[in-house]
Amino acid sequence: MTEEEKKTEKKPAEKAVKEEKTTKTPRTRRFSENTVFVGGKPVMNYVMACLTLFNSGGKKVVLKARGRAISRAVDSVELLRRVFLKDQTRMMRLKLSDMSC
């Protein structure tokens, strides 16, 4: 075969392979709408988030924190109980756990 014949020769049609992106579905976590995650922001931010949830009709608010933020979560709950909601609230349960590796 000459060079020209090689160029003009038609190659068999290759099947087009569809590349399907395999998207992993994120794990569904059991967090409800009444959960406030406490991190590095000031305490009043979390207090206001809890007040917003209570004012929007929520009967129960859950604060979740890890590590050094646990003290900030406790401070937020104490501010809510003693200053903002006084006689209107009842603390259901306080659960502290350490999940260190």
PDB file of N, CA and C in Angstrom:
ATOM      1  N   MET A   1       0.832  -1.181   0.000  1.00  0.00           N
ATOM      2  CA  MET A   1       0.000   0.000   0.000  1.00  0.00           C
ATOM      3  C   MET A   1       0.874   1.242   0.000  1.00  0.00           C
ATOM      4  N   THR A   2       0.435   2.161  -0.811  1.00  0.00           N
ATOM      5  CA  THR A   2       1.178   3.401  -0.878  1.00  0.00           C
ATOM      6  C   THR A   2       0.653   4.344   0.191  1.00  0.00           C
ATOM      7  N   GLU A   3       1.324   5.414   0.373  1.00  0.00           N
ATOM      8  CA  GLU A   3       0.944   6.403   1.380  1.00  0.00           C
ATOM      9  C   GLU A   3      -0.433   7.002   1.096  1.00  0.00           C
ATOM     10  N   GLU A   4      -0.724   7.237  -0.204  1.00  0.00           N
ATOM     11  CA  GLU A   4      -2.025   7.811  -0.570  1.00  0.00           C
ATOM     12  C   GLU A   4      -3.155   6.855  -0.260  1.00  0.00           C
ATOM     13  N   GLU A   5      -2.943   5.578  -0.523  1.00  0.00           N
ATOM     14  CA  GLU A   5      -3.981   4.594  -0.249  1.00  0.00           C
ATOM     15  C   GLU A   5      -4.262   4.490   1.245  1.00  0.00           C
ATOM     16  N   LYS A   6      -3.232   4.634   2.035  1.00  0.00           N
ATOM     17  CA  LYS A   6      -3.413   4.577   3.487  1.00  0.00           C
ATOM     18  C   LYS A   6      -4.252   5.752   3.967  1.00  0.00           C
ATOM     19  N   LYS A   7      -4.018   6.918   3.377  1.00  0.00           N
ATOM     20  CA  LYS A   7      -4.748   8.106   3.786  1.00  0.00           C
ATOM     21  C   LYS A   7      -6.208   8.045   3.366  1.00  0.00           C
ATOM     22  N   THR A   8      -6.442   7.525   2.168  1.00  0.00           N
ATOM     23  CA  THR A   8      -7.807   7.493   1.651  1.00  0.00           C
ATOM     24  C   THR A   8      -8.597   6.290   2.142  1.00  0.00           C
ATOM     25  N   GLU A   9      -7.912   5.325   2.695  1.00  0.00           N
ATOM     26  CA  GLU A   9      -8.603   4.133   3.174  1.00  0.00           C
ATOM     27  C   GLU A   9      -9.463   4.495   4.381  1.00  0.00           C
ATOM     28  N   LYS A  10     -10.684   4.068   4.333  1.00  0.00           N
ATOM     29  CA  LYS A  10     -11.602   4.367   5.425  1.00  0.00           C
ATOM     30  C   LYS A  10     -11.426   3.332   6.526  1.00  0.00           C
ATOM     31  N   LYS A  11     -11.354   3.850   7.727  1.00  0.00           N
ATOM     32  CA  LYS A  11     -11.231   2.966   8.877  1.00  0.00           C
ATOM     33  C   LYS A  11     -12.619   2.517   9.292  1.00  0.00           C
ATOM     34  N   PRO A  12     -12.737   1.323   9.804  1.00  0.00           N
ATOM     35  CA  PRO A  12     -14.053   0.880  10.263  1.00  0.00           C
ATOM     36  C   PRO A  12     -14.566   1.804  11.368  1.00  0.00           C
ATOM     37  N   ALA A  13     -15.841   2.032  11.341  1.00  0.00           N
ATOM     38  CA  ALA A  13     -16.439   2.951  12.315  1.00  0.00           C
ATOM     39  C   ALA A  13     -16.332   2.350  13.709  1.00  0.00           C
ATOM     40  N   GLU A  14     -15.768   3.131  14.565  1.00  0.00           N
ATOM     41  CA  GLU A  14     -15.649   2.681  15.951  1.00  0.00           C
ATOM     42  C   GLU A  14     -16.921   3.054  16.689  1.00  0.00           C
ATOM     43  N   LYS A  15     -17.313   2.206  17.558  1.00  0.00           N
ATOM     44  CA  LYS A  15     -18.513   2.491  18.332  1.00  0.00           C
ATOM     45  C   LYS A  15     -18.229   3.657  19.269  1.00  0.00           C
ATOM     46  N   ALA A  16     -19.142   4.563  19.238  1.00  0.00           N
ATOM     47  CA  ALA A  16     -18.996   5.704  20.128  1.00  0.00           C
ATOM     48  C   ALA A  16     -19.322   5.252  21.548  1.00  0.00           C
ATOM     49  N   VAL A  17     -18.390   5.453  22.400  1.00  0.00           N
ATOM     50  CA  VAL A  17     -18.571   5.047  23.792  1.00  0.00           C
ATOM     51  C   VAL A  17     -19.029   6.263  24.576  1.00  0.00           C
ATOM     52  N   LYS A  18     -20.180   6.126  25.168  1.00  0.00           N
ATOM     53  CA  LYS A  18     -20.679   7.229  25.981  1.00  0.00           C
ATOM     54  C   LYS A  18     -19.983   7.182  27.329  1.00  0.00           C
ATOM     55  N   GLU A  19     -19.449   8.311  27.668  1.00  0.00           N
ATOM     56  CA  GLU A  19     -18.833   8.395  28.983  1.00  0.00           C
ATOM     57  C   GLU A  19     -19.884   8.868  29.962  1.00  0.00           C
ATOM     58  N   GLU A  20     -20.262   7.972  30.785  1.00  0.00           N
ATOM     59  CA  GLU A  20     -21.250   8.340  31.782  1.00  0.00           C
ATOM     60  C   GLU A  20     -20.517   8.711  33.058  1.00  0.00           C
ATOM     61  N   LYS A  21     -20.840   9.856  33.547  1.00  0.00           N
ATOM     62  CA  LYS A  21     -20.237  10.283  34.796  1.00  0.00           C
ATOM     63  C   LYS A  21     -20.947   9.560  35.930  1.00  0.00           C
ATOM     64  N   THR A  22     -20.166   8.887  36.692  1.00  0.00           N
ATOM     65  CA  THR A  22     -20.768   8.206  37.834  1.00  0.00           C
ATOM     66  C   THR A  22     -20.731   9.168  39.010  1.00  0.00           C
ATOM     67  N   THR A  23     -21.853   9.742  39.272  1.00  0.00           N
ATOM     68  CA  THR A  23     -21.928  10.679  40.373  1.00  0.00           C
ATOM     69  C   THR A  23     -22.310   9.919  41.623  1.00  0.00           C
ATOM     70  N   LYS A  24     -21.501  10.074  42.599  1.00  0.00           N
ATOM     71  CA  LYS A  24     -21.794   9.426  43.870  1.00  0.00           C
ATOM     72  C   LYS A  24     -22.803  10.287  44.602  1.00  0.00           C
ATOM     73  N   THR A  25     -23.827   9.659  45.043  1.00  0.00           N
ATOM     74  CA  THR A  25     -24.812  10.407  45.803  1.00  0.00           C
ATOM     75  C   THR A  25     -24.269  10.611  47.207  1.00  0.00           C
ATOM     76  N   PRO A  26     -24.377  11.822  47.707  1.00  0.00           N
ATOM     77  CA  PRO A  26     -23.859  12.071  49.049  1.00  0.00           C
ATOM     78  C   PRO A  26     -24.655  11.280  50.084  1.00  0.00           C
ATOM     79  N   ARG A  27     -23.960  10.940  51.131  1.00  0.00           N
ATOM     80  CA  ARG A  27     -24.637  10.209  52.193  1.00  0.00           C
ATOM     81  C   ARG A  27     -25.729  11.074  52.779  1.00  0.00           C
ATOM     82  N   THR A  28     -26.856  10.476  52.963  1.00  0.00           N
ATOM     83  CA  THR A  28     -27.933  11.242  53.568  1.00  0.00           C
ATOM     84  C   THR A  28     -27.731  11.249  55.068  1.00  0.00           C
ATOM     85  N   ARG A  29     -27.671  12.426  55.589  1.00  0.00           N
ATOM     86  CA  ARG A  29     -27.485  12.569  57.026  1.00  0.00           C
ATOM     87  C   ARG A  29     -28.809  12.889  57.669  1.00  0.00           C
ATOM     88  N   ARG A  30     -28.920  12.554  58.868  1.00  0.00           N
ATOM     89  CA  ARG A  30     -30.182  12.745  59.572  1.00  0.00           C
ATOM     90  C   ARG A  30     -30.182  14.071  60.330  1.00  0.00           C
ATOM     91  N   PHE A  31     -30.082  15.152  59.599  1.00  0.00           N
ATOM     92  CA  PHE A  31     -30.140  16.465  60.205  1.00  0.00           C
ATOM     93  C   PHE A  31     -31.469  17.088  59.834  1.00  0.00           C
ATOM     94  N   SER A  32     -32.151  17.546  60.815  1.00  0.00           N
ATOM     95  CA  SER A  32     -33.436  18.152  60.528  1.00  0.00           C
ATOM     96  C   SER A  32     -33.274  19.655  60.371  1.00  0.00           C
ATOM     97  N   GLU A  33     -34.350  20.290  60.071  1.00  0.00           N
ATOM     98  CA  GLU A  33     -34.323  21.736  59.843  1.00  0.00           C
ATOM     99  C   GLU A  33     -34.081  22.514  61.123  1.00  0.00           C
ATOM    100  N   ASN A  34     -34.269  21.872  62.265  1.00  0.00           N
ATOM    101  CA  ASN A  34     -34.126  22.591  63.524  1.00  0.00           C
ATOM    102  C   ASN A  34     -32.753  22.399  64.150  1.00  0.00           C
ATOM    103  N   THR A  35     -31.747  22.113  63.345  1.00  0.00           N
ATOM    104  CA  THR A  35     -30.394  21.890  63.844  1.00  0.00           C
ATOM    105  C   THR A  35     -29.523  23.103  63.551  1.00  0.00           C
ATOM    106  N   VAL A  36     -28.783  23.535  64.573  1.00  0.00           N
ATOM    107  CA  VAL A  36     -27.828  24.631  64.423  1.00  0.00           C
ATOM    108  C   VAL A  36     -26.448  24.051  64.680  1.00  0.00           C
ATOM    109  N   PHE A  37     -25.553  24.195  63.710  1.00  0.00           N
ATOM    110  CA  PHE A  37     -24.196  23.689  63.856  1.00  0.00           C
ATOM    111  C   PHE A  37     -23.317  24.807  64.396  1.00  0.00           C
ATOM    112  N   VAL A  38     -22.701  24.567  65.524  1.00  0.00           N
ATOM    113  CA  VAL A  38     -21.897  25.585  66.192  1.00  0.00           C
ATOM    114  C   VAL A  38     -20.445  25.402  65.783  1.00  0.00           C
ATOM    115  N   GLY A  39     -19.825  26.513  65.380  1.00  0.00           N
ATOM    116  CA  GLY A  39     -18.430  26.484  64.942  1.00  0.00           C
ATOM    117  C   GLY A  39     -17.651  27.632  65.547  1.00  0.00           C
ATOM    118  N   GLY A  40     -16.986  28.396  64.714  1.00  0.00           N
ATOM    119  CA  GLY A  40     -16.089  29.440  65.186  1.00  0.00           C
ATOM    120  C   GLY A  40     -16.660  30.846  65.213  1.00  0.00           C
ATOM    121  N   LYS A  41     -17.930  31.000  64.914  1.00  0.00           N
ATOM    122  CA  LYS A  41     -18.532  32.337  64.915  1.00  0.00           C
ATOM    123  C   LYS A  41     -18.828  32.785  66.345  1.00  0.00           C
ATOM    124  N   PRO A  42     -19.135  34.058  66.528  1.00  0.00           N
ATOM    125  CA  PRO A  42     -19.481  34.531  67.881  1.00  0.00           C
ATOM    126  C   PRO A  42     -20.764  33.876  68.408  1.00  0.00           C
ATOM    127  N   VAL A  43     -20.856  33.811  69.719  1.00  0.00           N
ATOM    128  CA  VAL A  43     -21.973  33.136  70.387  1.00  0.00           C
ATOM    129  C   VAL A  43     -23.314  33.738  69.983  1.00  0.00           C
ATOM    130  N   MET A  44     -23.386  35.044  69.844  1.00  0.00           N
ATOM    131  CA  MET A  44     -24.664  35.693  69.533  1.00  0.00           C
ATOM    132  C   MET A  44     -25.213  35.265  68.171  1.00  0.00           C
ATOM    133  N   ASN A  45     -24.362  34.890  67.258  1.00  0.00           N
ATOM    134  CA  ASN A  45     -24.846  34.390  65.960  1.00  0.00           C
ATOM    135  C   ASN A  45     -25.683  33.132  66.144  1.00  0.00           C
ATOM    136  N   TYR A  46     -25.236  32.243  67.017  1.00  0.00           N
ATOM    137  CA  TYR A  46     -25.950  30.992  67.261  1.00  0.00           C
ATOM    138  C   TYR A  46     -27.213  31.234  68.082  1.00  0.00           C
ATOM    139  N   VAL A  47     -27.148  32.191  68.991  1.00  0.00           N
ATOM    140  CA  VAL A  47     -28.340  32.550  69.765  1.00  0.00           C
ATOM    141  C   VAL A  47     -29.413  33.085  68.824  1.00  0.00           C
ATOM    142  N   MET A  48     -29.021  33.952  67.895  1.00  0.00           N
ATOM    143  CA  MET A  48     -29.991  34.508  66.957  1.00  0.00           C
ATOM    144  C   MET A  48     -30.537  33.432  66.021  1.00  0.00           C
ATOM    145  N   ALA A  49     -29.704  32.483  65.632  1.00  0.00           N
ATOM    146  CA  ALA A  49     -30.179  31.385  64.788  1.00  0.00           C
ATOM    147  C   ALA A  49     -31.231  30.563  65.531  1.00  0.00           C
ATOM    148  N   CYS A  50     -30.997  30.310  66.804  1.00  0.00           N
ATOM    149  CA  CYS A  50     -31.972  29.553  67.615  1.00  0.00           C
ATOM    150  C   CYS A  50     -33.259  30.344  67.793  1.00  0.00           C
ATOM    151  N   LEU A  51     -33.134  31.635  68.061  1.00  0.00           N
ATOM    152  CA  LEU A  51     -34.325  32.474  68.219  1.00  0.00           C
ATOM    153  C   LEU A  51     -35.142  32.507  66.931  1.00  0.00           C
ATOM    154  N   THR A  52     -34.455  32.564  65.803  1.00  0.00           N
ATOM    155  CA  THR A  52     -35.146  32.556  64.510  1.00  0.00           C
ATOM    156  C   THR A  52     -35.927  31.265  64.325  1.00  0.00           C
ATOM    157  N   LEU A  53     -35.319  30.141  64.690  1.00  0.00           N
ATOM    158  CA  LEU A  53     -36.009  28.855  64.569  1.00  0.00           C
ATOM    159  C   LEU A  53     -37.220  28.779  65.499  1.00  0.00           C
ATOM    160  N   PHE A  54     -37.066  29.294  66.711  1.00  0.00           N
ATOM    161  CA  PHE A  54     -38.198  29.298  67.643  1.00  0.00           C
ATOM    162  C   PHE A  54     -39.318  30.202  67.146  1.00  0.00           C
ATOM    163  N   ASN A  55     -38.958  31.360  66.622  1.00  0.00           N
ATOM    164  CA  ASN A  55     -39.972  32.315  66.163  1.00  0.00           C
ATOM    165  C   ASN A  55     -40.680  31.854  64.887  1.00  0.00           C
ATOM    166  N   SER A  56     -40.046  30.956  64.137  1.00  0.00           N
ATOM    167  CA  SER A  56     -40.684  30.452  62.925  1.00  0.00           C
ATOM    168  C   SER A  56     -41.589  29.255  63.208  1.00  0.00           C
ATOM    169  N   GLY A  57     -41.823  28.984  64.457  1.00  0.00           N
ATOM    170  CA  GLY A  57     -42.760  27.929  64.822  1.00  0.00           C
ATOM    171  C   GLY A  57     -42.124  26.654  65.319  1.00  0.00           C
ATOM    172  N   GLY A  58     -40.820  26.624  65.450  1.00  0.00           N
ATOM    173  CA  GLY A  58     -40.144  25.420  65.922  1.00  0.00           C
ATOM    174  C   GLY A  58     -40.365  25.214  67.412  1.00  0.00           C
ATOM    175  N   LYS A  59     -40.617  23.986  67.784  1.00  0.00           N
ATOM    176  CA  LYS A  59     -40.805  23.657  69.194  1.00  0.00           C
ATOM    177  C   LYS A  59     -39.516  23.151  69.823  1.00  0.00           C
ATOM    178  N   LYS A  60     -38.591  22.702  68.980  1.00  0.00           N
ATOM    179  CA  LYS A  60     -37.368  22.096  69.461  1.00  0.00           C
ATOM    180  C   LYS A  60     -36.208  22.547  68.583  1.00  0.00           C
ATOM    181  N   VAL A  61     -35.095  22.904  69.210  1.00  0.00           N
ATOM    182  CA  VAL A  61     -33.892  23.304  68.482  1.00  0.00           C
ATOM    183  C   VAL A  61     -32.735  22.474  69.017  1.00  0.00           C
ATOM    184  N   VAL A  62     -31.923  21.967  68.098  1.00  0.00           N
ATOM    185  CA  VAL A  62     -30.777  21.138  68.463  1.00  0.00           C
ATOM    186  C   VAL A  62     -29.510  21.876  68.068  1.00  0.00           C
ATOM    187  N   LEU A  63     -28.596  22.031  69.028  1.00  0.00           N
ATOM    188  CA  LEU A  63     -27.289  22.618  68.740  1.00  0.00           C
ATOM    189  C   LEU A  63     -26.279  21.497  68.704  1.00  0.00           C
ATOM    190  N   LYS A  64     -25.457  21.462  67.649  1.00  0.00           N
ATOM    191  CA  LYS A  64     -24.430  20.435  67.518  1.00  0.00           C
ATOM    192  C   LYS A  64     -23.077  21.103  67.391  1.00  0.00           C
ATOM    193  N   ALA A  65     -22.104  20.575  68.131  1.00  0.00           N
ATOM    194  CA  ALA A  65     -20.760  21.139  68.103  1.00  0.00           C
ATOM    195  C   ALA A  65     -19.748  20.033  68.351  1.00  0.00           C
ATOM    196  N   ARG A  66     -18.527  20.301  67.910  1.00  0.00           N
ATOM    197  CA  ARG A  66     -17.435  19.362  68.142  1.00  0.00           C
ATOM    198  C   ARG A  66     -16.226  20.112  68.672  1.00  0.00           C
ATOM    199  N   GLY A  67     -15.468  19.459  69.518  1.00  0.00           N
ATOM    200  CA  GLY A  67     -14.190  20.000  69.974  1.00  0.00           C
ATOM    201  C   GLY A  67     -14.329  21.277  70.776  1.00  0.00           C
ATOM    202  N   ARG A  68     -13.551  22.270  70.376  1.00  0.00           N
ATOM    203  CA  ARG A  68     -13.531  23.532  71.113  1.00  0.00           C
ATOM    204  C   ARG A  68     -14.832  24.305  70.981  1.00  0.00           C
ATOM    205  N   ALA A  69     -15.657  23.967  70.039  1.00  0.00           N
ATOM    206  CA  ALA A  69     -16.923  24.681  69.840  1.00  0.00           C
ATOM    207  C   ALA A  69     -17.994  24.236  70.831  1.00  0.00           C
ATOM    208  N   ILE A  70     -17.739  23.170  71.577  1.00  0.00           N
ATOM    209  CA  ILE A  70     -18.736  22.697  72.535  1.00  0.00           C
ATOM    210  C   ILE A  70     -19.000  23.767  73.594  1.00  0.00           C
ATOM    211  N   SER A  71     -17.955  24.431  74.062  1.00  0.00           N
ATOM    212  CA  SER A  71     -18.160  25.483  75.070  1.00  0.00           C
ATOM    213  C   SER A  71     -18.982  26.635  74.499  1.00  0.00           C
ATOM    214  N   ARG A  72     -18.812  26.917  73.216  1.00  0.00           N
ATOM    215  CA  ARG A  72     -19.593  27.970  72.562  1.00  0.00           C
ATOM    216  C   ARG A  72     -21.068  27.553  72.456  1.00  0.00           C
ATOM    217  N   ALA A  73     -21.319  26.275  72.212  1.00  0.00           N
ATOM    218  CA  ALA A  73     -22.700  25.778  72.152  1.00  0.00           C
ATOM    219  C   ALA A  73     -23.353  25.857  73.523  1.00  0.00           C
ATOM    220  N   VAL A  74     -22.629  25.498  74.560  1.00  0.00           N
ATOM    221  CA  VAL A  74     -23.172  25.577  75.920  1.00  0.00           C
ATOM    222  C   VAL A  74     -23.451  27.029  76.288  1.00  0.00           C
ATOM    223  N   ASP A  75     -22.561  27.931  75.929  1.00  0.00           N
ATOM    224  CA  ASP A  75     -22.787  29.358  76.188  1.00  0.00           C
ATOM    225  C   ASP A  75     -24.035  29.855  75.463  1.00  0.00           C
ATOM    226  N   SER A  76     -24.235  29.398  74.245  1.00  0.00           N
ATOM    227  CA  SER A  76     -25.419  29.809  73.486  1.00  0.00           C
ATOM    228  C   SER A  76     -26.695  29.352  74.163  1.00  0.00           C
ATOM    229  N   VAL A  77     -26.708  28.110  74.633  1.00  0.00           N
ATOM    230  CA  VAL A  77     -27.890  27.579  75.305  1.00  0.00           C
ATOM    231  C   VAL A  77     -28.152  28.340  76.608  1.00  0.00           C
ATOM    232  N   GLU A  78     -27.105  28.626  77.349  1.00  0.00           N
ATOM    233  CA  GLU A  78     -27.274  29.356  78.604  1.00  0.00           C
ATOM    234  C   GLU A  78     -27.806  30.765  78.361  1.00  0.00           C
ATOM    235  N   LEU A  79     -27.320  31.431  77.332  1.00  0.00           N
ATOM    236  CA  LEU A  79     -27.841  32.763  76.999  1.00  0.00           C
ATOM    237  C   LEU A  79     -29.314  32.685  76.614  1.00  0.00           C
ATOM    238  N   LEU A  80     -29.657  31.700  75.817  1.00  0.00           N
ATOM    239  CA  LEU A  80     -31.061  31.525  75.426  1.00  0.00           C
ATOM    240  C   LEU A  80     -31.939  31.322  76.652  1.00  0.00           C
ATOM    241  N   ARG A  81     -31.526  30.434  77.518  1.00  0.00           N
ATOM    242  CA  ARG A  81     -32.336  30.088  78.689  1.00  0.00           C
ATOM    243  C   ARG A  81     -32.469  31.242  79.665  1.00  0.00           C
ATOM    244  N   ARG A  82     -31.364  31.906  79.975  1.00  0.00           N
ATOM    245  CA  ARG A  82     -31.360  32.885  81.057  1.00  0.00           C
ATOM    246  C   ARG A  82     -31.717  34.306  80.638  1.00  0.00           C
ATOM    247  N   VAL A  83     -31.478  34.660  79.393  1.00  0.00           N
ATOM    248  CA  VAL A  83     -31.693  36.047  78.979  1.00  0.00           C
ATOM    249  C   VAL A  83     -32.877  36.187  78.027  1.00  0.00           C
ATOM    250  N   PHE A  84     -32.881  35.391  76.973  1.00  0.00           N
ATOM    251  CA  PHE A  84     -33.844  35.631  75.909  1.00  0.00           C
ATOM    252  C   PHE A  84     -35.186  34.941  76.113  1.00  0.00           C
ATOM    253  N   LEU A  85     -35.180  33.712  76.548  1.00  0.00           N
ATOM    254  CA  LEU A  85     -36.434  32.977  76.625  1.00  0.00           C
ATOM    255  C   LEU A  85     -36.897  32.715  78.058  1.00  0.00           C
ATOM    256  N   LYS A  86     -36.126  33.063  79.035  1.00  0.00           N
ATOM    257  CA  LYS A  86     -36.389  32.928  80.471  1.00  0.00           C
ATOM    258  C   LYS A  86     -37.311  31.774  80.837  1.00  0.00           C
ATOM    259  N   ASP A  87     -38.604  32.014  81.027  1.00  0.00           N
ATOM    260  CA  ASP A  87     -39.517  30.983  81.524  1.00  0.00           C
ATOM    261  C   ASP A  87     -40.156  30.157  80.416  1.00  0.00           C
ATOM    262  N   GLN A  88     -39.829  30.424  79.205  1.00  0.00           N
ATOM    263  CA  GLN A  88     -40.504  29.762  78.088  1.00  0.00           C
ATOM    264  C   GLN A  88     -39.845  28.450  77.667  1.00  0.00           C
ATOM    265  N   THR A  89     -38.647  28.183  78.126  1.00  0.00           N
ATOM    266  CA  THR A  89     -37.930  27.015  77.612  1.00  0.00           C
ATOM    267  C   THR A  89     -37.720  25.953  78.673  1.00  0.00           C
ATOM    268  N   ARG A  90     -37.489  24.778  78.170  1.00  0.00           N
ATOM    269  CA  ARG A  90     -37.172  23.632  79.020  1.00  0.00           C
ATOM    270  C   ARG A  90     -36.098  22.840  78.288  1.00  0.00           C
ATOM    271  N   MET A  91     -35.014  22.579  78.976  1.00  0.00           N
ATOM    272  CA  MET A  91     -33.950  21.829  78.324  1.00  0.00           C
ATOM    273  C   MET A  91     -34.288  20.343  78.416  1.00  0.00           C
ATOM    274  N   MET A  92     -34.391  19.723  77.252  1.00  0.00           N
ATOM    275  CA  MET A  92     -34.783  18.323  77.196  1.00  0.00           C
ATOM    276  C   MET A  92     -33.615  17.401  77.554  1.00  0.00           C
ATOM    277  N   ARG A  93     -32.504  17.603  76.901  1.00  0.00           N
ATOM    278  CA  ARG A  93     -31.392  16.681  77.087  1.00  0.00           C
ATOM    279  C   ARG A  93     -30.103  17.377  76.707  1.00  0.00           C
ATOM    280  N   LEU A  94     -29.082  17.114  77.464  1.00  0.00           N
ATOM    281  CA  LEU A  94     -27.753  17.612  77.128  1.00  0.00           C
ATOM    282  C   LEU A  94     -26.879  16.397  76.933  1.00  0.00           C
ATOM    283  N   LYS A  95     -26.376  16.229  75.732  1.00  0.00           N
ATOM    284  CA  LYS A  95     -25.546  15.060  75.431  1.00  0.00           C
ATOM    285  C   LYS A  95     -24.202  15.547  74.941  1.00  0.00           C
ATOM    286  N   LEU A  96     -23.161  15.204  75.675  1.00  0.00           N
ATOM    287  CA  LEU A  96     -21.797  15.537  75.280  1.00  0.00           C
ATOM    288  C   LEU A  96     -21.074  14.247  74.970  1.00  0.00           C
ATOM    289  N   SER A  97     -20.411  14.216  73.853  1.00  0.00           N
ATOM    290  CA  SER A  97     -19.655  13.012  73.516  1.00  0.00           C
ATOM    291  C   SER A  97     -18.377  13.407  72.794  1.00  0.00           C
ATOM    292  N   ASP A  98     -17.378  12.591  72.949  1.00  0.00           N
ATOM    293  CA  ASP A  98     -16.091  12.822  72.306  1.00  0.00           C
ATOM    294  C   ASP A  98     -15.895  11.724  71.277  1.00  0.00           C
ATOM    295  N   MET A  99     -15.711  12.115  70.027  1.00  0.00           N
ATOM    296  CA  MET A  99     -15.541  11.136  68.957  1.00  0.00           C
ATOM    297  C   MET A  99     -14.147  11.249  68.382  1.00  0.00           C
ATOM    298  N   SER A 100     -13.142  11.275  69.256  1.00  0.00           N
ATOM    299  CA  SER A 100     -11.770  11.404  68.766  1.00  0.00           C
ATOM    300  C   SER A 100     -11.278  10.080  68.216  1.00  0.00           C
ATOM    301  N   CYS A 101     -10.351  10.167  67.303  1.00  0.00           N
ATOM    302  CA  CYS A 101      -9.816   8.950  66.652  1.00  0.00           C
ATOM    303  C   CYS A 101      -8.733   8.310  67.461  1.00  0.00           C
TER     304      CYS A 101
END
